[in-house]
């Protein structure tokens, strides 16, 4: 069985995490195969929760599949789709089936997704969700009611080193740390200097940071330019580099960034995303 994320974060080892999207449907065979291939090559798998407001299977089911195969999962939990009652219920349910690692996410607006007529909840944001999860771990719900059994969580949050200006992002990060986050997963990084500037601030705390590395492919370049992917700030020079490039070149670009982040010893690990192309994740090493 994989060691816990909490143990891995304090081990001093450079961690490798990869992100998987649940299926849009009930067929888990492809994901089961991917998890087997990634087992032993990555330390932990992040399982997304309706990313970019696109409807997929709930992440807890894929987290349970990962646990059954001996892989440590991080369940993403998005505030956009649930009020505080449902969020707390899902946290307790996740804990009851062995899911301990939670990435608290506010969530992209529904206008970016495949159900634009959906009504977002946004009852609470990721900071309040961290506080709620921390309260549950002490044996009480958000309003102080006692629980019959309390969960144990390793809580994480997101951050964006590529944000411009960066200062508002750092203020939000500080709030997330104060609310109980013990690790951060960043949005994809493309400029190593931006990551250095971000880490200079974050290193003032003891929080662990997994820097995002995303595989970019030329057929998706228009979406990188038009804002289809909120929070994904791809520099023009990177877009020019992938325009017309073959798949092998794109893999080399992402792989080189991964190695640069690791060799610079800037953070505690990396978090790889390759939406729709997860079978290529291992090619980046």
Protein backbone atom coordinates (compact mmCIF):
# COMPACT_ATOMS: atom_id res chain seq x y z
CA UNK A 1 0.00 0.00 0.00
CA UNK A 2 1.27 3.49 -0.84
CA UNK A 3 2.41 5.58 2.08
CA UNK A 4 0.17 8.47 3.04
CA UNK A 5 0.51 11.85 1.37
CA UNK A 6 1.24 13.39 4.76
CA UNK A 7 4.21 11.06 5.19
CA UNK A 8 5.38 11.69 1.64
CA UNK A 9 5.23 15.47 2.07
CA UNK A 10 7.48 15.32 5.12
CA UNK A 11 9.90 12.76 3.67
CA UNK A 12 12.06 15.30 1.84
CA UNK A 13 11.60 13.40 -1.42
CA UNK A 14 10.68 15.37 -4.56
CA UNK A 15 7.10 14.22 -5.12
CA UNK A 16 5.48 13.46 -8.44
CA UNK A 17 1.71 13.84 -8.69
CA UNK A 18 -0.46 13.40 -11.76
CA UNK A 19 -4.01 14.52 -12.41
CA UNK A 20 -6.78 12.32 -13.82
CA UNK A 21 -10.29 13.32 -14.86
CA UNK A 22 -13.12 10.93 -13.98
CA UNK A 23 -15.02 9.48 -16.95
CA UNK A 24 -18.01 11.18 -18.50
CA UNK A 25 -20.10 8.08 -17.97
CA UNK A 26 -19.84 4.91 -15.89
CA UNK A 27 -17.04 3.06 -17.71
CA UNK A 28 -13.96 3.00 -15.47
CA UNK A 29 -11.93 0.50 -17.49
CA UNK A 30 -9.69 3.07 -19.18
CA UNK A 31 -8.99 4.84 -15.91
CA UNK A 32 -8.29 1.56 -14.17
CA UNK A 33 -5.67 0.79 -16.82
CA UNK A 34 -4.12 4.25 -16.45
CA UNK A 35 -3.91 3.93 -12.68
CA UNK A 36 -2.10 0.59 -13.04
CA UNK A 37 0.39 2.14 -15.47
CA UNK A 38 1.03 5.13 -13.22
CA UNK A 39 1.33 3.09 -10.02
CA UNK A 40 4.92 3.08 -8.86
CA UNK A 41 5.81 5.94 -11.21
CA UNK A 42 3.90 8.68 -9.39
CA UNK A 43 3.52 9.23 -5.66
CA UNK A 44 -0.07 10.41 -5.73
CA UNK A 45 -2.98 10.91 -8.15
CA UNK A 46 -5.16 14.01 -8.11
CA UNK A 47 -8.75 13.25 -9.13
CA UNK A 48 -10.57 16.29 -10.49
CA UNK A 49 -14.12 17.40 -9.66
CA UNK A 50 -16.02 18.63 -12.74
CA UNK A 51 -12.96 20.55 -14.05
CA UNK A 52 -13.69 23.69 -16.09
CA UNK A 53 -17.35 23.17 -15.08
CA UNK A 54 -17.68 20.12 -17.34
CA UNK A 55 -19.79 17.30 -15.90
CA UNK A 56 -17.97 14.06 -15.07
CA UNK A 57 -18.43 11.22 -12.59
CA UNK A 58 -17.95 12.29 -8.97
CA UNK A 59 -14.26 12.04 -8.00
CA UNK A 60 -14.77 9.89 -4.90
CA UNK A 61 -15.53 6.84 -7.07
CA UNK A 62 -12.19 7.15 -8.90
CA UNK A 63 -10.39 7.82 -5.60
CA UNK A 64 -11.85 4.58 -4.26
CA UNK A 65 -10.63 2.77 -7.40
CA UNK A 66 -7.14 4.20 -6.86
CA UNK A 67 -7.12 3.11 -3.22
CA UNK A 68 -8.17 -0.40 -4.21
CA UNK A 69 -5.18 -0.51 -6.56
CA UNK A 70 -2.78 0.75 -3.89
CA UNK A 71 -2.36 4.31 -5.16
CA UNK A 72 -2.73 7.35 -2.90
CA UNK A 73 -5.40 9.77 -4.25
CA UNK A 74 -6.13 13.44 -3.68
CA UNK A 75 -9.84 14.12 -4.10
CA UNK A 76 -10.65 17.55 -5.49
CA UNK A 77 -13.76 19.11 -3.97
CA UNK A 78 -15.35 22.07 -5.73
CA UNK A 79 -17.47 24.68 -3.96
CA UNK A 80 -19.19 25.76 -7.16
CA UNK A 81 -21.52 22.75 -7.29
CA UNK A 82 -22.54 22.34 -3.64
CA UNK A 83 -23.69 24.35 -0.65
CA UNK A 84 -22.08 23.96 2.77
CA UNK A 85 -24.40 21.10 3.74
CA UNK A 86 -23.48 19.01 0.71
CA UNK A 87 -19.77 19.84 0.99
CA UNK A 88 -19.62 18.67 4.59
CA UNK A 89 -21.62 15.54 3.71
CA UNK A 90 -19.20 14.71 0.91
CA UNK A 91 -16.20 15.25 3.18
CA UNK A 92 -17.61 12.81 5.75
CA UNK A 93 -18.51 10.28 3.05
CA UNK A 94 -15.02 10.49 1.54
CA UNK A 95 -13.42 9.93 4.94
CA UNK A 96 -15.65 6.92 5.57
CA UNK A 97 -14.26 5.10 2.50
CA UNK A 98 -10.64 5.91 3.25
CA UNK A 99 -10.09 9.16 1.33
CA UNK A 100 -7.96 11.47 3.47
CA UNK A 101 -6.41 13.92 1.00
CA UNK A 102 -8.69 16.75 -0.09
CA UNK A 103 -7.87 19.59 -2.49
CA UNK A 104 -10.29 22.43 -1.72
CA UNK A 105 -11.24 24.35 -4.86
CA UNK A 106 -13.67 27.22 -5.43
CA UNK A 107 -14.28 26.14 -9.04
CA UNK A 108 -14.46 27.76 -12.47
CA UNK A 109 -17.69 29.51 -13.44
CA UNK A 110 -20.31 27.38 -15.19
CA UNK A 111 -20.09 29.60 -18.30
CA UNK A 112 -16.84 27.80 -19.15
CA UNK A 113 -18.43 24.34 -19.04
CA UNK A 114 -20.83 22.09 -20.91
CA UNK A 115 -23.89 23.02 -18.81
CA UNK A 116 -23.96 26.82 -19.14
CA UNK A 117 -27.56 26.98 -17.83
CA UNK A 118 -26.56 25.39 -14.53
CA UNK A 119 -26.80 27.56 -11.44
CA UNK A 120 -23.59 27.70 -9.43
CA UNK A 121 -23.83 27.45 -5.67
CA UNK A 122 -20.75 29.33 -4.42
CA UNK A 123 -22.32 29.24 -0.96
CA UNK A 124 -18.78 29.19 0.44
CA UNK A 125 -15.35 29.46 -1.17
CA UNK A 126 -12.22 27.34 -0.84
CA UNK A 127 -11.00 29.20 2.26
CA UNK A 128 -14.27 28.48 4.08
CA UNK A 129 -14.18 24.88 2.85
CA UNK A 130 -10.73 24.45 4.40
CA UNK A 131 -12.09 25.84 7.66
CA UNK A 132 -15.09 23.49 7.47
CA UNK A 133 -12.89 20.44 6.86
CA UNK A 134 -10.62 21.42 9.74
CA UNK A 135 -13.69 21.79 12.00
CA UNK A 136 -14.92 18.32 11.02
CA UNK A 137 -11.54 16.91 12.00
CA UNK A 138 -12.05 18.31 15.50
CA UNK A 139 -15.39 16.50 15.79
CA UNK A 140 -17.78 19.35 14.98
CA UNK A 141 -19.61 20.64 11.92
CA UNK A 142 -19.51 24.24 10.71
CA UNK A 143 -22.03 25.42 13.27
CA UNK A 144 -20.55 23.51 16.18
CA UNK A 145 -22.78 20.43 16.24
CA UNK A 146 -20.91 17.32 17.50
CA UNK A 147 -20.07 14.44 15.16
CA UNK A 148 -20.31 10.71 15.89
CA UNK A 149 -16.77 10.02 14.73
CA UNK A 150 -14.47 12.58 13.14
CA UNK A 151 -12.40 12.39 9.94
CA UNK A 152 -8.64 12.85 9.55
CA UNK A 153 -7.71 14.97 6.52
CA UNK A 154 -4.60 16.19 4.75
CA UNK A 155 -5.89 19.43 3.27
CA UNK A 156 -4.66 21.20 0.18
CA UNK A 157 -5.48 24.29 -1.87
CA UNK A 158 -4.60 25.80 -5.23
CA UNK A 159 -2.51 28.83 -6.19
CA UNK A 160 -1.45 30.55 -9.39
CA UNK A 161 2.20 31.70 -9.67
CA UNK A 162 1.48 33.01 -13.18
CA UNK A 163 -1.14 35.50 -11.96
CA UNK A 164 -0.50 39.11 -12.94
CA UNK A 165 -0.52 40.98 -10.65
CA UNK A 166 0.71 38.36 -8.21
CA UNK A 167 0.04 40.21 -4.94
CA UNK A 168 -3.72 39.45 -4.68
CA UNK A 169 -2.91 35.78 -5.27
CA UNK A 170 -0.40 35.81 -2.42
CA UNK A 171 -2.97 37.37 -0.07
CA UNK A 172 -5.40 34.54 -0.92
CA UNK A 173 -2.67 31.94 -0.43
CA UNK A 174 -1.94 33.30 3.04
CA UNK A 175 -5.65 32.99 3.89
CA UNK A 176 -5.66 29.37 2.70
CA UNK A 177 -2.63 28.53 4.80
CA UNK A 178 -4.23 30.13 7.86
CA UNK A 179 -7.46 28.21 7.16
CA UNK A 180 -5.65 24.87 7.37
CA UNK A 181 -4.01 23.99 4.03
CA UNK A 182 -0.87 21.89 4.46
CA UNK A 183 -0.02 21.71 0.76
CA UNK A 184 -0.55 23.76 -2.39
CA UNK A 185 -1.04 22.56 -5.95
CA UNK A 186 -0.27 25.35 -8.38
CA UNK A 187 -1.86 26.12 -11.69
CA UNK A 188 0.43 25.24 -14.60
CA UNK A 189 3.74 27.09 -14.49
CA UNK A 190 5.42 28.26 -17.70
CA UNK A 191 7.87 30.89 -16.48
CA UNK A 192 10.38 29.62 -13.95
CA UNK A 193 11.04 33.18 -12.74
CA UNK A 194 7.37 33.55 -11.79
CA UNK A 195 7.60 30.35 -9.78
CA UNK A 196 10.73 31.64 -8.02
CA UNK A 197 8.96 34.88 -7.08
CA UNK A 198 5.95 32.95 -5.80
CA UNK A 199 8.13 30.59 -3.76
CA UNK A 200 10.02 33.45 -2.12
CA UNK A 201 6.76 34.44 -0.45
CA UNK A 202 5.41 30.95 0.24
CA UNK A 203 8.64 29.76 1.85
CA UNK A 204 7.86 32.07 4.77
CA UNK A 205 5.46 29.34 5.90
CA UNK A 206 5.93 25.58 6.27
CA UNK A 207 3.46 24.67 3.54
CA UNK A 208 4.49 22.18 0.86
CA UNK A 209 4.16 23.13 -2.81
CA UNK A 210 3.58 20.96 -5.89
CA UNK A 211 4.22 23.04 -9.02
CA UNK A 212 1.91 22.46 -11.96
CA UNK A 213 3.32 21.19 -15.26
CA UNK A 214 0.88 20.91 -18.16
CA UNK A 215 1.31 19.11 -21.46
CA UNK A 216 0.31 21.57 -24.17
CA UNK A 217 -0.63 20.29 -27.62
CA UNK A 218 -0.93 22.42 -30.78
CA UNK A 219 -4.54 21.50 -31.58
CA UNK A 220 -5.60 23.15 -28.33
CA UNK A 221 -3.62 26.37 -28.86
CA UNK A 222 -6.70 28.45 -29.82
CA UNK A 223 -8.28 27.58 -26.46
CA UNK A 224 -5.14 28.68 -24.64
CA UNK A 225 -5.44 32.06 -26.38
CA UNK A 226 -9.17 32.76 -26.06
CA UNK A 227 -9.58 32.18 -22.32
CA UNK A 228 -11.41 28.86 -22.60
CA UNK A 229 -9.24 27.56 -19.76
CA UNK A 230 -9.66 29.99 -16.84
CA UNK A 231 -6.54 30.59 -14.82
CA UNK A 232 -4.26 29.16 -17.51
CA UNK A 233 -1.88 31.92 -18.55
CA UNK A 234 0.28 30.59 -21.39
CA UNK A 235 2.98 33.04 -22.57
CA UNK A 236 2.98 33.96 -26.25
CA UNK A 237 6.49 32.56 -26.76
CA UNK A 238 5.35 29.17 -25.46
CA UNK A 239 2.31 29.22 -27.75
CA UNK A 240 4.54 30.06 -30.71
CA UNK A 241 6.80 27.16 -29.80
CA UNK A 242 3.96 24.61 -29.78
CA UNK A 243 2.17 26.01 -32.86
CA UNK A 244 2.67 23.40 -35.57
CA UNK A 245 4.93 21.30 -33.36
CA UNK A 246 4.59 17.53 -33.35
CA UNK A 247 3.56 15.59 -30.26
CA UNK A 248 7.12 14.57 -29.46
CA UNK A 249 8.27 18.18 -29.37
CA UNK A 250 5.39 19.14 -27.06
CA UNK A 251 6.31 16.31 -24.71
CA UNK A 252 9.93 17.51 -24.72
CA UNK A 253 8.86 21.06 -23.84
CA UNK A 254 6.81 19.92 -20.83
CA UNK A 255 9.45 17.38 -19.82
CA UNK A 256 12.20 20.01 -19.92
CA UNK A 257 10.20 22.31 -17.67
CA UNK A 258 9.59 19.44 -15.24
CA UNK A 259 13.33 18.71 -15.06
CA UNK A 260 14.15 22.43 -14.68
CA UNK A 261 11.79 22.81 -11.73
CA UNK A 262 13.19 19.70 -10.08
CA UNK A 263 16.85 20.59 -10.62
CA UNK A 264 16.30 24.15 -9.31
CA UNK A 265 14.98 22.67 -6.05
CA UNK A 266 12.34 25.39 -5.93
CA UNK A 267 9.49 23.39 -4.45
CA UNK A 268 8.51 20.02 -3.02
CA UNK A 269 7.26 18.32 -6.16
CA UNK A 270 5.37 18.63 -9.40
CA UNK A 271 1.76 18.07 -10.41
CA UNK A 272 1.31 16.95 -14.02
CA UNK A 273 -1.85 17.62 -16.03
CA UNK A 274 -2.57 16.38 -19.54
CA UNK A 275 -6.37 16.53 -19.94
CA UNK A 276 -7.54 14.08 -22.57
CA UNK A 277 -3.98 12.78 -23.00
CA UNK A 278 -3.26 11.22 -19.62
CA UNK A 279 -1.71 8.17 -21.28
CA UNK A 280 1.21 10.47 -22.23
CA UNK A 281 2.03 11.52 -18.66
CA UNK A 282 4.82 8.97 -18.27
CA UNK A 283 6.48 10.26 -21.44
CA UNK A 284 7.34 13.49 -19.61
CA UNK A 285 9.82 11.83 -17.21
